[in-house]
Amino acid sequence: MAFIRVHCDYCGGQFEIYKHNLKGEFARECPHCFQRIDRQTWEREVLPAFAAVEDANAELYKDHCDRKPLFSFDVIANHIFANGGGAN
């Protein structure tokens, strides 16, 4: 089961959102500090990106069912350096 792990730089917390709750009222809200991801960004960028990763992994599994090696992947962002530094 795929899920989104959100890192909140406001409070330093992190939380996970599972597919069944992606569109829930509080899905984009940090449960630690109650800051929220912008609704437009959530709906136009985050949800489609999550769906694209799920779709790609499903296609990789279908390939495996056709006797090809099994592959899957996660997307890990590392372009933002919290607590100083900035992108190099």
Protein backbone atom coordinates (compact mmCIF):
# COMPACT_ATOMS: atom_id res chain seq x y z
CA MET A 1 0.00 0.00 0.00
CA ALA A 2 1.42 3.32 -1.04
CA PHE A 3 1.33 6.35 1.22
CA ILE A 4 2.68 9.88 1.35
CA ARG A 5 5.10 10.86 4.10
CA VAL A 6 4.97 14.61 4.65
CA HIS A 7 7.79 16.51 6.34
CA CYS A 8 6.71 19.75 8.02
CA ASP A 9 9.56 22.23 8.22
CA TYR A 10 7.44 24.55 10.38
CA CYS A 11 7.53 22.24 13.42
CA GLY A 12 9.95 19.55 12.28
CA GLY A 13 7.32 16.84 12.45
CA GLN A 14 6.35 14.30 9.87
CA PHE A 15 3.17 12.39 9.19
CA GLU A 16 1.82 9.82 6.78
CA ILE A 17 -1.28 9.96 4.62
CA TYR A 18 -2.73 6.77 3.18
CA LYS A 19 -4.68 6.47 -0.05
CA HIS A 20 -8.06 6.09 1.67
CA ASN A 21 -7.62 9.49 3.30
CA LEU A 22 -5.90 11.53 0.57
CA LYS A 23 -8.94 13.71 0.07
CA GLY A 24 -9.95 13.85 3.71
CA GLU A 25 -10.61 17.17 5.37
CA PHE A 26 -7.36 17.10 7.35
CA ALA A 27 -5.11 15.15 4.96
CA ARG A 28 -2.99 18.18 4.10
CA GLU A 29 -2.77 19.42 7.71
CA CYS A 30 0.18 18.72 10.00
CA PRO A 31 -1.24 16.93 13.05
CA HIS A 32 1.53 18.38 15.23
CA CYS A 33 1.30 22.12 14.53
CA PHE A 34 -1.87 22.33 12.39
CA GLN A 35 -0.18 24.16 9.51
CA ARG A 36 -1.68 23.23 6.12
CA ILE A 37 -0.39 22.63 2.64
CA ASP A 38 -2.06 25.04 0.22
CA ARG A 39 -5.24 23.42 -1.14
CA GLN A 40 -4.46 24.31 -4.77
CA THR A 41 -0.93 22.90 -4.50
CA TRP A 42 -2.29 19.76 -2.85
CA GLU A 43 -4.96 19.16 -5.49
CA ARG A 44 -3.00 20.19 -8.59
CA GLU A 45 0.46 18.86 -7.74
CA VAL A 46 0.63 16.46 -4.80
CA LEU A 47 -2.36 14.23 -5.57
CA PRO A 48 -1.51 13.79 -9.27
CA ALA A 49 2.13 13.05 -8.42
CA PHE A 50 1.04 10.38 -5.95
CA ALA A 51 -1.30 8.86 -8.55
CA ALA A 52 1.48 8.84 -11.16
CA VAL A 53 3.82 6.92 -8.86
CA GLU A 54 1.08 4.41 -8.03
CA ASP A 55 0.27 3.97 -11.73
CA ALA A 56 3.91 3.45 -12.66
CA ASN A 57 4.40 0.84 -9.94
CA ALA A 58 1.23 -0.95 -11.09
CA GLU A 59 2.61 -1.06 -14.64
CA LEU A 60 5.90 -2.46 -13.36
CA TYR A 61 3.97 -5.20 -11.57
CA LYS A 62 2.01 -5.97 -14.76
CA ASP A 63 5.32 -6.34 -16.58
CA HIS A 64 6.41 -8.78 -13.90
CA CYS A 65 3.27 -10.84 -14.51
CA ASP A 66 4.55 -11.21 -18.08
CA ARG A 67 7.67 -12.94 -16.70
CA LYS A 68 9.84 -9.85 -16.50
CA PRO A 69 11.88 -8.89 -13.41
CA LEU A 70 9.90 -7.20 -10.65
CA PHE A 71 10.78 -3.58 -10.04
CA SER A 72 9.17 -0.88 -7.91
CA PHE A 73 10.26 2.55 -6.83
CA ASP A 74 9.78 5.35 -4.34
CA VAL A 75 10.23 9.04 -5.03
CA ILE A 76 12.39 10.79 -2.45
CA ALA A 77 12.82 14.54 -2.61
CA ASN A 78 16.21 15.90 -1.61
CA HIS A 79 16.31 19.28 -3.31
CA ILE A 80 15.41 21.28 -0.21
CA PHE A 81 17.95 21.54 2.56
CA ALA A 82 16.17 22.46 5.77
CA ASN A 83 17.98 24.22 8.59
CA GLY A 84 20.43 26.18 6.50
CA GLY A 85 22.41 25.55 3.40
CA GLY A 86 20.00 26.02 0.56
CA ALA A 87 20.22 24.22 -2.74
CA ASN A 88 23.71 23.95 -4.17
